[in-house]
PDB file of N, CA and C in Angstrom:
ATOM      1  N   MET A   1       0.819  -1.189   0.000  1.00  0.00           N
ATOM      2  CA  MET A   1       0.000   0.000   0.000  1.00  0.00           C
ATOM      3  C   MET A   1       0.870   1.262   0.000  1.00  0.00           C
ATOM      4  N   ILE A   2       1.976   1.179   0.728  1.00  0.00           N
ATOM      5  CA  ILE A   2       2.866   2.346   0.802  1.00  0.00           C
ATOM      6  C   ILE A   2       3.523   2.595  -0.553  1.00  0.00           C
ATOM      7  N   LYS A   3       3.866   1.510  -1.260  1.00  0.00           N
ATOM      8  CA  LYS A   3       4.471   1.685  -2.573  1.00  0.00           C
ATOM      9  C   LYS A   3       3.494   2.347  -3.537  1.00  0.00           C
ATOM     10  N   ALA A   4       2.238   1.988  -3.466  1.00  0.00           N
ATOM     11  CA  ALA A   4       1.238   2.588  -4.353  1.00  0.00           C
ATOM     12  C   ALA A   4       1.119   4.086  -4.094  1.00  0.00           C
ATOM     13  N   ILE A   5       1.145   4.475  -2.837  1.00  0.00           N
ATOM     14  CA  ILE A   5       1.084   5.899  -2.489  1.00  0.00           C
ATOM     15  C   ILE A   5       2.322   6.622  -3.000  1.00  0.00           C
ATOM     16  N   LEU A   6       3.476   5.983  -2.853  1.00  0.00           N
ATOM     17  CA  LEU A   6       4.709   6.592  -3.359  1.00  0.00           C
ATOM     18  C   LEU A   6       4.667   6.747  -4.874  1.00  0.00           C
ATOM     19  N   TYR A   7       4.125   5.745  -5.588  1.00  0.00           N
ATOM     20  CA  TYR A   7       3.985   5.862  -7.039  1.00  0.00           C
ATOM     21  C   TYR A   7       3.090   7.037  -7.411  1.00  0.00           C
ATOM     22  N   ILE A   8       1.976   7.169  -6.713  1.00  0.00           N
ATOM     23  CA  ILE A   8       1.033   8.252  -7.014  1.00  0.00           C
ATOM     24  C   ILE A   8       1.676   9.612  -6.773  1.00  0.00           C
ATOM     25  N   ILE A   9       2.516   9.700  -5.766  1.00  0.00           N
ATOM     26  CA  ILE A   9       3.174  10.968  -5.446  1.00  0.00           C
ATOM     27  C   ILE A   9       4.332  11.249  -6.402  1.00  0.00           C
ATOM     28  N   LEU A  10       5.136  10.231  -6.700  1.00  0.00           N
ATOM     29  CA  LEU A  10       6.382  10.468  -7.433  1.00  0.00           C
ATOM     30  C   LEU A  10       6.242  10.489  -8.947  1.00  0.00           C
ATOM     31  N   LEU A  11       5.236   9.839  -9.512  1.00  0.00           N
ATOM     32  CA  LEU A  11       5.109   9.856 -10.968  1.00  0.00           C
ATOM     33  C   LEU A  11       4.903  11.268 -11.512  1.00  0.00           C
ATOM     34  N   PRO A  12       4.017  12.091 -10.920  1.00  0.00           N
ATOM     35  CA  PRO A  12       3.904  13.469 -11.430  1.00  0.00           C
ATOM     36  C   PRO A  12       5.202  14.273 -11.265  1.00  0.00           C
ATOM     37  N   PHE A  13       5.923  14.045 -10.175  1.00  0.00           N
ATOM     38  CA  PHE A  13       7.201  14.736  -9.995  1.00  0.00           C
ATOM     39  C   PHE A  13       8.210  14.304 -11.053  1.00  0.00           C
ATOM     40  N   THR A  14       8.200  13.033 -11.393  1.00  0.00           N
ATOM     41  CA  THR A  14       9.114  12.535 -12.418  1.00  0.00           C
ATOM     42  C   THR A  14       8.781  13.145 -13.774  1.00  0.00           C
ATOM     43  N   ILE A  15       7.500  13.193 -14.106  1.00  0.00           N
ATOM     44  CA  ILE A  15       7.091  13.797 -15.377  1.00  0.00           C
ATOM     45  C   ILE A  15       7.440  15.278 -15.388  1.00  0.00           C
ATOM     46  N   TRP A  16       7.219  15.954 -14.277  1.00  0.00           N
ATOM     47  CA  TRP A  16       7.562  17.376 -14.178  1.00  0.00           C
ATOM     48  C   TRP A  16       9.070  17.583 -14.368  1.00  0.00           C
ATOM     49  N   ALA A  17       9.879  16.723 -13.743  1.00  0.00           N
ATOM     50  CA  ALA A  17      11.332  16.852 -13.863  1.00  0.00           C
ATOM     51  C   ALA A  17      11.798  16.565 -15.288  1.00  0.00           C
ATOM     52  N   MET A  18      11.130  15.651 -15.962  1.00  0.00           N
ATOM     53  CA  MET A  18      11.531  15.298 -17.325  1.00  0.00           C
ATOM     54  C   MET A  18      11.139  16.352 -18.351  1.00  0.00           C
ATOM     55  N   GLU A  19      10.278  17.274 -17.980  1.00  0.00           N
ATOM     56  CA  GLU A  19       9.897  18.324 -18.919  1.00  0.00           C
ATOM     57  C   GLU A  19      11.083  19.204 -19.299  1.00  0.00           C
ATOM     58  N   GLY A  20      12.134  19.164 -18.504  1.00  0.00           N
ATOM     59  CA  GLY A  20      13.335  19.925 -18.820  1.00  0.00           C
ATOM     60  C   GLY A  20      14.165  19.295 -19.921  1.00  0.00           C
ATOM     61  N   LEU A  21      13.865  18.050 -20.277  1.00  0.00           N
ATOM     62  CA  LEU A  21      14.585  17.364 -21.347  1.00  0.00           C
ATOM     63  C   LEU A  21      13.899  17.589 -22.678  1.00  0.00           C
ATOM     64  N   ASP A  22      14.683  17.653 -23.726  1.00  0.00           N
ATOM     65  CA  ASP A  22      14.124  17.782 -25.066  1.00  0.00           C
ATOM     66  C   ASP A  22      14.324  16.452 -25.786  1.00  0.00           C
ATOM     67  N   LEU A  23      13.411  15.522 -25.545  1.00  0.00           N
ATOM     68  CA  LEU A  23      13.518  14.199 -26.142  1.00  0.00           C
ATOM     69  C   LEU A  23      13.044  14.173 -27.591  1.00  0.00           C
ATOM     70  N   ASN A  24      12.411  15.230 -28.044  1.00  0.00           N
ATOM     71  CA  ASN A  24      11.914  15.257 -29.420  1.00  0.00           C
ATOM     72  C   ASN A  24      13.045  15.199 -30.438  1.00  0.00           C
ATOM     73  N   LYS A  25      14.215  15.605 -30.053  1.00  0.00           N
ATOM     74  CA  LYS A  25      15.359  15.564 -30.984  1.00  0.00           C
ATOM     75  C   LYS A  25      15.806  14.135 -31.257  1.00  0.00           C
ATOM     76  N   LEU A  26      15.426  13.205 -30.385  1.00  0.00           N
ATOM     77  CA  LEU A  26      15.823  11.812 -30.564  1.00  0.00           C
ATOM     78  C   LEU A  26      14.912  11.060 -31.529  1.00  0.00           C
ATOM     79  N   PHE A  27      13.756  11.622 -31.839  1.00  0.00           N
ATOM     80  CA  PHE A  27      12.771  10.937 -32.667  1.00  0.00           C
ATOM     81  C   PHE A  27      12.575  11.665 -33.988  1.00  0.00           C
ATOM     82  N   LYS A  28      12.091  10.919 -34.954  1.00  0.00           N
ATOM     83  CA  LYS A  28      11.774  11.510 -36.248  1.00  0.00           C
ATOM     84  C   LYS A  28      10.549  12.408 -36.108  1.00  0.00           C
ATOM     85  N   GLN A  29      10.379  13.317 -37.046  1.00  0.00           N
ATOM     86  CA  GLN A  29       9.289  14.291 -36.983  1.00  0.00           C
ATOM     87  C   GLN A  29       7.910  13.627 -37.006  1.00  0.00           C
ATOM     88  N   SER A  30       7.750  12.572 -37.743  1.00  0.00           N
ATOM     89  CA  SER A  30       6.436  11.950 -37.898  1.00  0.00           C
ATOM     90  C   SER A  30       6.119  10.929 -36.804  1.00  0.00           C
ATOM     91  N   ARG A  31       6.962  10.791 -35.813  1.00  0.00           N
ATOM     92  CA  ARG A  31       6.798   9.772 -34.767  1.00  0.00           C
ATOM     93  C   ARG A  31       6.378  10.397 -33.436  1.00  0.00           C
ATOM     94  N   VAL A  32       5.346  11.208 -33.449  1.00  0.00           N
ATOM     95  CA  VAL A  32       4.920  11.940 -32.258  1.00  0.00           C
ATOM     96  C   VAL A  32       4.377  10.991 -31.187  1.00  0.00           C
ATOM     97  N   TYR A  33       3.505  10.068 -31.586  1.00  0.00           N
ATOM     98  CA  TYR A  33       2.900   9.164 -30.607  1.00  0.00           C
ATOM     99  C   TYR A  33       3.931   8.217 -29.997  1.00  0.00           C
ATOM    100  N   GLN A  34       4.867   7.764 -30.805  1.00  0.00           N
ATOM    101  CA  GLN A  34       5.913   6.890 -30.282  1.00  0.00           C
ATOM    102  C   GLN A  34       6.814   7.651 -29.316  1.00  0.00           C
ATOM    103  N   ALA A  35       7.065   8.911 -29.592  1.00  0.00           N
ATOM    104  CA  ALA A  35       7.868   9.723 -28.677  1.00  0.00           C
ATOM    105  C   ALA A  35       7.147   9.927 -27.355  1.00  0.00           C
ATOM    106  N   ARG A  36       5.832  10.144 -27.393  1.00  0.00           N
ATOM    107  CA  ARG A  36       5.057  10.326 -26.160  1.00  0.00           C
ATOM    108  C   ARG A  36       5.023   9.050 -25.329  1.00  0.00           C
ATOM    109  N   ILE A  37       4.858   7.916 -26.001  1.00  0.00           N
ATOM    110  CA  ILE A  37       4.847   6.641 -25.279  1.00  0.00           C
ATOM    111  C   ILE A  37       6.205   6.382 -24.652  1.00  0.00           C
ATOM    112  N   MET A  38       7.265   6.660 -25.382  1.00  0.00           N
ATOM    113  CA  MET A  38       8.610   6.470 -24.838  1.00  0.00           C
ATOM    114  C   MET A  38       8.853   7.401 -23.652  1.00  0.00           C
ATOM    115  N   TYR A  39       8.377   8.621 -23.748  1.00  0.00           N
ATOM    116  CA  TYR A  39       8.492   9.604 -22.662  1.00  0.00           C
ATOM    117  C   TYR A  39       7.794   9.076 -21.410  1.00  0.00           C
ATOM    118  N   LEU A  40       6.584   8.543 -21.581  1.00  0.00           N
ATOM    119  CA  LEU A  40       5.833   7.992 -20.457  1.00  0.00           C
ATOM    120  C   LEU A  40       6.524   6.761 -19.882  1.00  0.00           C
ATOM    121  N   MET A  41       7.064   5.904 -20.744  1.00  0.00           N
ATOM    122  CA  MET A  41       7.758   4.709 -20.263  1.00  0.00           C
ATOM    123  C   MET A  41       9.015   5.073 -19.484  1.00  0.00           C
ATOM    124  N   ILE A  42       9.742   6.058 -19.938  1.00  0.00           N
ATOM    125  CA  ILE A  42      10.943   6.500 -19.219  1.00  0.00           C
ATOM    126  C   ILE A  42      10.552   7.101 -17.871  1.00  0.00           C
ATOM    127  N   ALA A  43       9.497   7.903 -17.851  1.00  0.00           N
ATOM    128  CA  ALA A  43       9.035   8.502 -16.595  1.00  0.00           C
ATOM    129  C   ALA A  43       8.599   7.425 -15.606  1.00  0.00           C
ATOM    130  N   MET A  44       7.879   6.419 -16.093  1.00  0.00           N
ATOM    131  CA  MET A  44       7.441   5.340 -15.214  1.00  0.00           C
ATOM    132  C   MET A  44       8.623   4.524 -14.703  1.00  0.00           C
ATOM    133  N   SER A  45       9.622   4.322 -15.543  1.00  0.00           N
ATOM    134  CA  SER A  45      10.806   3.573 -15.128  1.00  0.00           C
ATOM    135  C   SER A  45      11.587   4.318 -14.051  1.00  0.00           C
ATOM    136  N   ILE A  46      11.752   5.607 -14.234  1.00  0.00           N
ATOM    137  CA  ILE A  46      12.456   6.406 -13.232  1.00  0.00           C
ATOM    138  C   ILE A  46      11.668   6.434 -11.933  1.00  0.00           C
ATOM    139  N   ALA A  47      10.355   6.585 -12.029  1.00  0.00           N
ATOM    140  CA  ALA A  47       9.514   6.577 -10.824  1.00  0.00           C
ATOM    141  C   ALA A  47       9.615   5.234 -10.113  1.00  0.00           C
ATOM    142  N   TYR A  48       9.635   4.146 -10.862  1.00  0.00           N
ATOM    143  CA  TYR A  48       9.779   2.808 -10.282  1.00  0.00           C
ATOM    144  C   TYR A  48      11.087   2.691  -9.500  1.00  0.00           C
ATOM    145  N   LEU A  49      12.165   3.140 -10.094  1.00  0.00           N
ATOM    146  CA  LEU A  49      13.469   3.066  -9.427  1.00  0.00           C
ATOM    147  C   LEU A  49      13.505   3.921  -8.163  1.00  0.00           C
ATOM    148  N   VAL A  50      12.954   5.118  -8.233  1.00  0.00           N
ATOM    149  CA  VAL A  50      12.957   6.014  -7.076  1.00  0.00           C
ATOM    150  C   VAL A  50      12.073   5.456  -5.962  1.00  0.00           C
ATOM    151  N   VAL A  51      10.902   4.930  -6.317  1.00  0.00           N
ATOM    152  CA  VAL A  51      10.005   4.359  -5.307  1.00  0.00           C
ATOM    153  C   VAL A  51      10.663   3.181  -4.615  1.00  0.00           C
ATOM    154  N   ASN A  52      11.283   2.293  -5.375  1.00  0.00           N
ATOM    155  CA  ASN A  52      11.940   1.142  -4.753  1.00  0.00           C
ATOM    156  C   ASN A  52      13.108   1.566  -3.873  1.00  0.00           C
ATOM    157  N   PHE A  53      13.845   2.573  -4.312  1.00  0.00           N
ATOM    158  CA  PHE A  53      14.934   3.070  -3.480  1.00  0.00           C
ATOM    159  C   PHE A  53      14.409   3.642  -2.169  1.00  0.00           C
ATOM    160  N   LEU A  54      13.403   4.509  -2.254  1.00  0.00           N
ATOM    161  CA  LEU A  54      12.856   5.115  -1.038  1.00  0.00           C
ATOM    162  C   LEU A  54      12.218   4.076  -0.123  1.00  0.00           C
ATOM    163  N   TYR A  55      11.494   3.127  -0.696  1.00  0.00           N
ATOM    164  CA  TYR A  55      10.856   2.089   0.112  1.00  0.00           C
ATOM    165  C   TYR A  55      11.912   1.255   0.847  1.00  0.00           C
ATOM    166  N   ASP A  56      12.942   0.827   0.132  1.00  0.00           N
ATOM    167  CA  ASP A  56      14.020   0.058   0.776  1.00  0.00           C
ATOM    168  C   ASP A  56      14.734   0.883   1.836  1.00  0.00           C
ATOM    169  N   PHE A  57      14.942   2.153   1.546  1.00  0.00           N
ATOM    170  CA  PHE A  57      15.584   3.035   2.507  1.00  0.00           C
ATOM    171  C   PHE A  57      14.757   3.139   3.782  1.00  0.00           C
ATOM    172  N   PHE A  58      13.442   3.367   3.620  1.00  0.00           N
ATOM    173  CA  PHE A  58      12.560   3.478   4.783  1.00  0.00           C
ATOM    174  C   PHE A  58      12.492   2.175   5.574  1.00  0.00           C
ATOM    175  N   ILE A  59      12.454   1.048   4.884  1.00  0.00           N
ATOM    176  CA  ILE A  59      12.371  -0.248   5.542  1.00  0.00           C
ATOM    177  C   ILE A  59      13.664  -0.551   6.291  1.00  0.00           C
ATOM    178  N   ASN A  60      14.807  -0.273   5.685  1.00  0.00           N
ATOM    179  CA  ASN A  60      16.086  -0.578   6.323  1.00  0.00           C
ATOM    180  C   ASN A  60      16.339   0.269   7.553  1.00  0.00           C
ATOM    181  N   PHE A  61      15.853   1.497   7.545  1.00  0.00           N
ATOM    182  CA  PHE A  61      16.047   2.363   8.691  1.00  0.00           C
ATOM    183  C   PHE A  61      14.810   2.444   9.575  1.00  0.00           C
ATOM    184  N   LYS A  62      13.832   1.565   9.283  1.00  0.00           N
ATOM    185  CA  LYS A  62      12.614   1.431  10.090  1.00  0.00           C
ATOM    186  C   LYS A  62      11.903   2.753  10.301  1.00  0.00           C
ATOM    187  N   VAL A  63      11.836   3.543   9.258  1.00  0.00           N
ATOM    188  CA  VAL A  63      11.110   4.811   9.329  1.00  0.00           C
ATOM    189  C   VAL A  63       9.615   4.555   9.232  1.00  0.00           C
ATOM    190  N   ILE A  64       9.244   3.539   8.407  1.00  0.00           N
ATOM    191  CA  ILE A  64       7.828   3.213   8.227  1.00  0.00           C
ATOM    192  C   ILE A  64       7.440   2.186   9.277  1.00  0.00           C
TER     193      ILE A  64
END
């Protein structure tokens, strides 16, 4: 349950942080939908890594 809450909190922060990147230069002009899907997949992957790190950190130091 705690991981789900962390995902809900951190995914918007990850997307917000990624807005500073210009990933459109990596894709062809006609591949807009594929670029958006890749952007979302990268954001979800980063959020997954951050959530697991924070969860393990909290568990190891018994914060939760």
